[in-house]
């Protein structure tokens, strides 16, 4: 009985390890796809442009207050 449980445990452990390897492989592929998505690139560009515009306007406002 104990030997059967031990064998099943080993099989389960091997299966779990294979599943983790497959998950890591899928995760890497999904990350590559996400990086190459045109919509994601476009939104990222808009967000960075918006933050840069806001930072520039904020700096200009501070400079205007200092020079008064």
PDB file of N, CA and C in Angstrom:
ATOM      1  N   UNK A   1       0.824  -1.187   0.000  1.00  0.00           N
ATOM      2  CA  UNK A   1       0.000   0.000   0.000  1.00  0.00           C
ATOM      3  C   UNK A   1       0.871   1.254   0.000  1.00  0.00           C
ATOM      4  N   UNK A   2       1.884   1.268   0.854  1.00  0.00           N
ATOM      5  CA  UNK A   2       2.755   2.430   0.954  1.00  0.00           C
ATOM      6  C   UNK A   2       3.544   2.629  -0.337  1.00  0.00           C
ATOM      7  N   UNK A   3       3.934   1.543  -0.979  1.00  0.00           N
ATOM      8  CA  UNK A   3       4.687   1.641  -2.225  1.00  0.00           C
ATOM      9  C   UNK A   3       3.834   2.271  -3.318  1.00  0.00           C
ATOM     10  N   UNK A   4       2.562   1.891  -3.384  1.00  0.00           N
ATOM     11  CA  UNK A   4       1.658   2.471  -4.372  1.00  0.00           C
ATOM     12  C   UNK A   4       1.498   3.971  -4.150  1.00  0.00           C
ATOM     13  N   UNK A   5       1.358   4.361  -2.895  1.00  0.00           N
ATOM     14  CA  UNK A   5       1.227   5.785  -2.577  1.00  0.00           C
ATOM     15  C   UNK A   5       2.498   6.539  -2.939  1.00  0.00           C
ATOM     16  N   UNK A   6       3.634   5.909  -2.672  1.00  0.00           N
ATOM     17  CA  UNK A   6       4.906   6.544  -3.000  1.00  0.00           C
ATOM     18  C   UNK A   6       5.047   6.732  -4.511  1.00  0.00           C
ATOM     19  N   UNK A   7       4.674   5.726  -5.278  1.00  0.00           N
ATOM     20  CA  UNK A   7       4.745   5.810  -6.739  1.00  0.00           C
ATOM     21  C   UNK A   7       3.803   6.895  -7.245  1.00  0.00           C
ATOM     22  N   UNK A   8       2.593   6.941  -6.708  1.00  0.00           N
ATOM     23  CA  UNK A   8       1.633   7.975  -7.121  1.00  0.00           C
ATOM     24  C   UNK A   8       2.153   9.363  -6.768  1.00  0.00           C
ATOM     25  N   UNK A   9       2.765   9.475  -5.613  1.00  0.00           N
ATOM     26  CA  UNK A   9       3.316  10.765  -5.204  1.00  0.00           C
ATOM     27  C   UNK A   9       4.410  11.211  -6.176  1.00  0.00           C
ATOM     28  N   UNK A  10       5.277  10.289  -6.563  1.00  0.00           N
ATOM     29  CA  UNK A  10       6.338  10.612  -7.518  1.00  0.00           C
ATOM     30  C   UNK A  10       5.750  11.024  -8.864  1.00  0.00           C
ATOM     31  N   UNK A  11       4.727  10.298  -9.323  1.00  0.00           N
ATOM     32  CA  UNK A  11       4.085  10.635 -10.593  1.00  0.00           C
ATOM     33  C   UNK A  11       3.440  12.017 -10.522  1.00  0.00           C
ATOM     34  N   UNK A  12       2.793  12.291  -9.410  1.00  0.00           N
ATOM     35  CA  UNK A  12       2.152  13.596  -9.229  1.00  0.00           C
ATOM     36  C   UNK A  12       3.189  14.705  -9.194  1.00  0.00           C
ATOM     37  N   UNK A  13       4.276  14.478  -8.508  1.00  0.00           N
ATOM     38  CA  UNK A  13       5.337  15.485  -8.439  1.00  0.00           C
ATOM     39  C   UNK A  13       5.921  15.749  -9.825  1.00  0.00           C
ATOM     40  N   UNK A  14       6.129  14.703 -10.598  1.00  0.00           N
ATOM     41  CA  UNK A  14       6.647  14.879 -11.956  1.00  0.00           C
ATOM     42  C   UNK A  14       5.643  15.633 -12.827  1.00  0.00           C
ATOM     43  N   UNK A  15       4.366  15.308 -12.683  1.00  0.00           N
ATOM     44  CA  UNK A  15       3.331  15.994 -13.461  1.00  0.00           C
ATOM     45  C   UNK A  15       3.262  17.470 -13.112  1.00  0.00           C
ATOM     46  N   UNK A  16       3.358  17.771 -11.837  1.00  0.00           N
ATOM     47  CA  UNK A  16       3.329  19.168 -11.402  1.00  0.00           C
ATOM     48  C   UNK A  16       4.540  19.911 -11.955  1.00  0.00           C
ATOM     49  N   UNK A  17       5.689  19.292 -11.927  1.00  0.00           N
ATOM     50  CA  UNK A  17       6.894  19.931 -12.461  1.00  0.00           C
ATOM     51  C   UNK A  17       6.753  20.189 -13.955  1.00  0.00           C
ATOM     52  N   UNK A  18       6.213  19.221 -14.695  1.00  0.00           N
ATOM     53  CA  UNK A  18       5.989  19.425 -16.133  1.00  0.00           C
ATOM     54  C   UNK A  18       5.006  20.563 -16.370  1.00  0.00           C
ATOM     55  N   UNK A  19       3.969  20.634 -15.545  1.00  0.00           N
ATOM     56  CA  UNK A  19       2.981  21.709 -15.687  1.00  0.00           C
ATOM     57  C   UNK A  19       3.623  23.072 -15.445  1.00  0.00           C
ATOM     58  N   UNK A  20       4.488  23.166 -14.446  1.00  0.00           N
ATOM     59  CA  UNK A  20       5.166  24.437 -14.179  1.00  0.00           C
ATOM     60  C   UNK A  20       6.083  24.829 -15.338  1.00  0.00           C
ATOM     61  N   UNK A  21       6.755  23.863 -15.930  1.00  0.00           N
ATOM     62  CA  UNK A  21       7.623  24.152 -17.077  1.00  0.00           C
ATOM     63  C   UNK A  21       6.785  24.691 -18.234  1.00  0.00           C
ATOM     64  N   UNK A  22       5.653  24.060 -18.488  1.00  0.00           N
ATOM     65  CA  UNK A  22       4.777  24.512 -19.571  1.00  0.00           C
ATOM     66  C   UNK A  22       4.241  25.906 -19.273  1.00  0.00           C
ATOM     67  N   UNK A  23       3.865  26.160 -18.020  1.00  0.00           N
ATOM     68  CA  UNK A  23       3.360  27.484 -17.639  1.00  0.00           C
ATOM     69  C   UNK A  23       4.423  28.554 -17.843  1.00  0.00           C
ATOM     70  N   UNK A  24       5.653  28.261 -17.468  1.00  0.00           N
ATOM     71  CA  UNK A  24       6.729  29.236 -17.669  1.00  0.00           C
ATOM     72  C   UNK A  24       6.938  29.512 -19.152  1.00  0.00           C
ATOM     73  N   UNK A  25       6.844  28.468 -19.965  1.00  0.00           N
ATOM     74  CA  UNK A  25       6.995  28.632 -21.406  1.00  0.00           C
ATOM     75  C   UNK A  25       5.874  29.513 -21.957  1.00  0.00           C
ATOM     76  N   UNK A  26       4.654  29.254 -21.522  1.00  0.00           N
ATOM     77  CA  UNK A  26       3.516  30.056 -21.978  1.00  0.00           C
ATOM     78  C   UNK A  26       3.650  31.499 -21.509  1.00  0.00           C
ATOM     79  N   UNK A  27       4.107  31.684 -20.287  1.00  0.00           N
ATOM     80  CA  UNK A  27       4.262  33.037 -19.756  1.00  0.00           C
ATOM     81  C   UNK A  27       5.257  33.832 -20.593  1.00  0.00           C
ATOM     82  N   UNK A  28       6.350  33.204 -20.968  1.00  0.00           N
ATOM     83  CA  UNK A  28       7.351  33.889 -21.790  1.00  0.00           C
ATOM     84  C   UNK A  28       6.773  34.249 -23.154  1.00  0.00           C
ATOM     85  N   UNK A  29       6.019  33.326 -23.744  1.00  0.00           N
ATOM     86  CA  UNK A  29       5.427  33.604 -25.052  1.00  0.00           C
ATOM     87  C   UNK A  29       4.383  34.708 -24.968  1.00  0.00           C
ATOM     88  N   UNK A  30       3.571  34.700 -23.919  1.00  0.00           N
ATOM     89  CA  UNK A  30       2.553  35.739 -23.756  1.00  0.00           C
ATOM     90  C   UNK A  30       3.209  37.097 -23.576  1.00  0.00           C
ATOM     91  N   UNK A  31       4.279  37.156 -22.813  1.00  0.00           N
ATOM     92  CA  UNK A  31       4.993  38.433 -22.633  1.00  0.00           C
ATOM     93  C   UNK A  31       5.538  38.952 -23.960  1.00  0.00           C
ATOM     94  N   UNK A  32       6.063  38.073 -24.793  1.00  0.00           N
ATOM     95  CA  UNK A  32       6.553  38.491 -26.108  1.00  0.00           C
ATOM     96  C   UNK A  32       5.418  39.050 -26.954  1.00  0.00           C
ATOM     97  N   UNK A  33       4.271  38.388 -26.916  1.00  0.00           N
ATOM     98  CA  UNK A  33       3.121  38.848 -27.695  1.00  0.00           C
ATOM     99  C   UNK A  33       2.637  40.195 -27.180  1.00  0.00           C
ATOM    100  N   UNK A  34       2.563  40.359 -25.869  1.00  0.00           N
ATOM    101  CA  UNK A  34       2.104  41.618 -25.299  1.00  0.00           C
ATOM    102  C   UNK A  34       3.015  42.768 -25.690  1.00  0.00           C
ATOM    103  N   UNK A  35       4.312  42.520 -25.724  1.00  0.00           N
ATOM    104  CA  UNK A  35       5.256  43.577 -26.095  1.00  0.00           C
ATOM    105  C   UNK A  35       5.033  43.999 -27.540  1.00  0.00           C
ATOM    106  N   UNK A  36       4.693  43.068 -28.393  1.00  0.00           N
ATOM    107  CA  UNK A  36       4.544  43.357 -29.814  1.00  0.00           C
ATOM    108  C   UNK A  36       3.150  43.835 -30.204  1.00  0.00           C
ATOM    109  N   UNK A  37       2.222  43.890 -29.261  1.00  0.00           N
ATOM    110  CA  UNK A  37       0.867  44.311 -29.614  1.00  0.00           C
ATOM    111  C   UNK A  37       0.865  45.787 -30.009  1.00  0.00           C
ATOM    112  N   UNK A  38       0.404  46.119 -31.216  1.00  0.00           N
ATOM    113  CA  UNK A  38       0.404  47.513 -31.658  1.00  0.00           C
ATOM    114  C   UNK A  38      -0.453  48.417 -30.773  1.00  0.00           C
ATOM    115  N   UNK A  39      -1.598  47.935 -30.349  1.00  0.00           N
ATOM    116  CA  UNK A  39      -2.463  48.753 -29.502  1.00  0.00           C
ATOM    117  C   UNK A  39      -1.775  49.069 -28.188  1.00  0.00           C
ATOM    118  N   UNK A  40      -1.109  48.088 -27.631  1.00  0.00           N
ATOM    119  CA  UNK A  40      -0.402  48.308 -26.375  1.00  0.00           C
ATOM    120  C   UNK A  40       0.720  49.326 -26.567  1.00  0.00           C
ATOM    121  N   UNK A  41       1.419  49.241 -27.685  1.00  0.00           N
ATOM    122  CA  UNK A  41       2.472  50.219 -27.971  1.00  0.00           C
ATOM    123  C   UNK A  41       1.889  51.618 -28.112  1.00  0.00           C
ATOM    124  N   UNK A  42       0.751  51.718 -28.797  1.00  0.00           N
ATOM    125  CA  UNK A  42       0.122  53.018 -29.007  1.00  0.00           C
ATOM    126  C   UNK A  42      -0.327  53.626 -27.686  1.00  0.00           C
ATOM    127  N   UNK A  43      -0.974  52.842 -26.855  1.00  0.00           N
ATOM    128  CA  UNK A  43      -1.436  53.337 -25.557  1.00  0.00           C
ATOM    129  C   UNK A  43      -0.252  53.720 -24.687  1.00  0.00           C
ATOM    130  N   UNK A  44       0.800  52.930 -24.724  1.00  0.00           N
ATOM    131  CA  UNK A  44       1.998  53.245 -23.945  1.00  0.00           C
ATOM    132  C   UNK A  44       2.586  54.581 -24.397  1.00  0.00           C
ATOM    133  N   UNK A  45       2.627  54.799 -25.707  1.00  0.00           N
ATOM    134  CA  UNK A  45       3.153  56.057 -26.244  1.00  0.00           C
ATOM    135  C   UNK A  45       2.284  57.233 -25.797  1.00  0.00           C
ATOM    136  N   UNK A  46       0.955  57.063 -25.841  1.00  0.00           N
ATOM    137  CA  UNK A  46       0.047  58.128 -25.401  1.00  0.00           C
ATOM    138  C   UNK A  46       0.247  58.432 -23.924  1.00  0.00           C
ATOM    139  N   UNK A  47       0.365  57.396 -23.129  1.00  0.00           N
ATOM    140  CA  UNK A  47       0.536  57.594 -21.683  1.00  0.00           C
ATOM    141  C   UNK A  47       1.846  58.317 -21.387  1.00  0.00           C
ATOM    142  N   UNK A  48       2.914  57.911 -22.038  1.00  0.00           N
ATOM    143  CA  UNK A  48       4.201  58.577 -21.817  1.00  0.00           C
ATOM    144  C   UNK A  48       4.169  60.021 -22.300  1.00  0.00           C
ATOM    145  N   UNK A  49       3.527  60.268 -23.427  1.00  0.00           N
ATOM    146  CA  UNK A  49       3.405  61.640 -23.928  1.00  0.00           C
ATOM    147  C   UNK A  49       2.585  62.490 -22.972  1.00  0.00           C
ATOM    148  N   UNK A  50       1.505  61.925 -22.460  1.00  0.00           N
ATOM    149  CA  UNK A  50       0.676  62.657 -21.503  1.00  0.00           C
ATOM    150  C   UNK A  50       1.434  62.991 -20.232  1.00  0.00           C
ATOM    151  N   UNK A  51       2.194  62.034 -19.728  1.00  0.00           N
ATOM    152  CA  UNK A  51       2.973  62.292 -18.512  1.00  0.00           C
ATOM    153  C   UNK A  51       4.053  63.338 -18.767  1.00  0.00           C
ATOM    154  N   UNK A  52       4.693  63.277 -19.925  1.00  0.00           N
ATOM    155  CA  UNK A  52       5.726  64.262 -20.252  1.00  0.00           C
ATOM    156  C   UNK A  52       5.116  65.653 -20.392  1.00  0.00           C
ATOM    157  N   UNK A  53       3.942  65.741 -21.012  1.00  0.00           N
ATOM    158  CA  UNK A  53       3.263  67.030 -21.155  1.00  0.00           C
ATOM    159  C   UNK A  53       2.893  67.589 -19.795  1.00  0.00           C
ATOM    160  N   UNK A  54       2.344  66.738 -18.936  1.00  0.00           N
ATOM    161  CA  UNK A  54       1.969  67.180 -17.594  1.00  0.00           C
ATOM    162  C   UNK A  54       3.198  67.638 -16.812  1.00  0.00           C
ATOM    163  N   UNK A  55       4.279  66.882 -16.893  1.00  0.00           N
ATOM    164  CA  UNK A  55       5.502  67.251 -16.170  1.00  0.00           C
ATOM    165  C   UNK A  55       6.058  68.571 -16.695  1.00  0.00           C
ATOM    166  N   UNK A  56       6.020  68.772 -18.003  1.00  0.00           N
ATOM    167  CA  UNK A  56       6.493  70.021 -18.583  1.00  0.00           C
ATOM    168  C   UNK A  56       5.646  71.203 -18.149  1.00  0.00           C
ATOM    169  N   UNK A  57       4.320  71.035 -18.166  1.00  0.00           N
ATOM    170  CA  UNK A  57       3.426  72.113 -17.735  1.00  0.00           C
ATOM    171  C   UNK A  57       3.631  72.416 -16.257  1.00  0.00           C
ATOM    172  N   UNK A  58       3.835  71.381 -15.465  1.00  0.00           N
ATOM    173  CA  UNK A  58       4.060  71.564 -14.032  1.00  0.00           C
ATOM    174  C   UNK A  58       5.356  72.338 -13.790  1.00  0.00           C
ATOM    175  N   UNK A  59       6.401  71.973 -14.499  1.00  0.00           N
ATOM    176  CA  UNK A  59       7.686  72.682 -14.359  1.00  0.00           C
ATOM    177  C   UNK A  59       7.560  74.132 -14.808  1.00  0.00           C
ATOM    178  N   UNK A  60       6.835  74.368 -15.894  1.00  0.00           N
ATOM    179  CA  UNK A  60       6.641  75.744 -16.367  1.00  0.00           C
ATOM    180  C   UNK A  60       5.863  76.562 -15.340  1.00  0.00           C
ATOM    181  N   UNK A  61       4.866  75.959 -14.694  1.00  0.00           N
ATOM    182  CA  UNK A  61       4.095  76.667 -13.673  1.00  0.00           C
ATOM    183  C   UNK A  61       4.981  77.014 -12.480  1.00  0.00           C
ATOM    184  N   UNK A  62       5.827  76.101 -12.087  1.00  0.00           N
ATOM    185  CA  UNK A  62       6.731  76.371 -10.961  1.00  0.00           C
ATOM    186  C   UNK A  62       7.717  77.477 -11.331  1.00  0.00           C
ATOM    187  N   UNK A  63       8.253  77.428 -12.542  1.00  0.00           N
ATOM    188  CA  UNK A  63       9.180  78.475 -12.988  1.00  0.00           C
ATOM    189  C   UNK A  63       8.473  79.825 -13.023  1.00  0.00           C
ATOM    190  N   UNK A  64       7.227  79.849 -13.499  1.00  0.00           N
ATOM    191  CA  UNK A  64       6.467  81.099 -13.551  1.00  0.00           C
ATOM    192  C   UNK A  64       6.247  81.651 -12.146  1.00  0.00           C
ATOM    193  N   UNK A  65       5.982  80.776 -11.179  1.00  0.00           N
ATOM    194  CA  UNK A  65       5.787  81.236  -9.802  1.00  0.00           C
ATOM    195  C   UNK A  65       7.091  81.750  -9.204  1.00  0.00           C
ATOM    196  N   UNK A  66       8.193  81.134  -9.525  1.00  0.00           N
ATOM    197  CA  UNK A  66       9.485  81.543  -8.977  1.00  0.00           C
ATOM    198  C   UNK A  66       9.916  82.884  -9.560  1.00  0.00           C
ATOM    199  N   UNK A  67       9.657  83.103 -10.833  1.00  0.00           N
ATOM    200  CA  UNK A  67      10.096  84.325 -11.496  1.00  0.00           C
ATOM    201  C   UNK A  67       9.220  85.539 -11.172  1.00  0.00           C
ATOM    202  N   UNK A  68       8.052  85.349 -10.575  1.00  0.00           N
ATOM    203  CA  UNK A  68       7.177  86.480 -10.230  1.00  0.00           C
ATOM    204  C   UNK A  68       7.776  87.364  -9.217  1.00  0.00           C
TER     205      UNK A  68
END
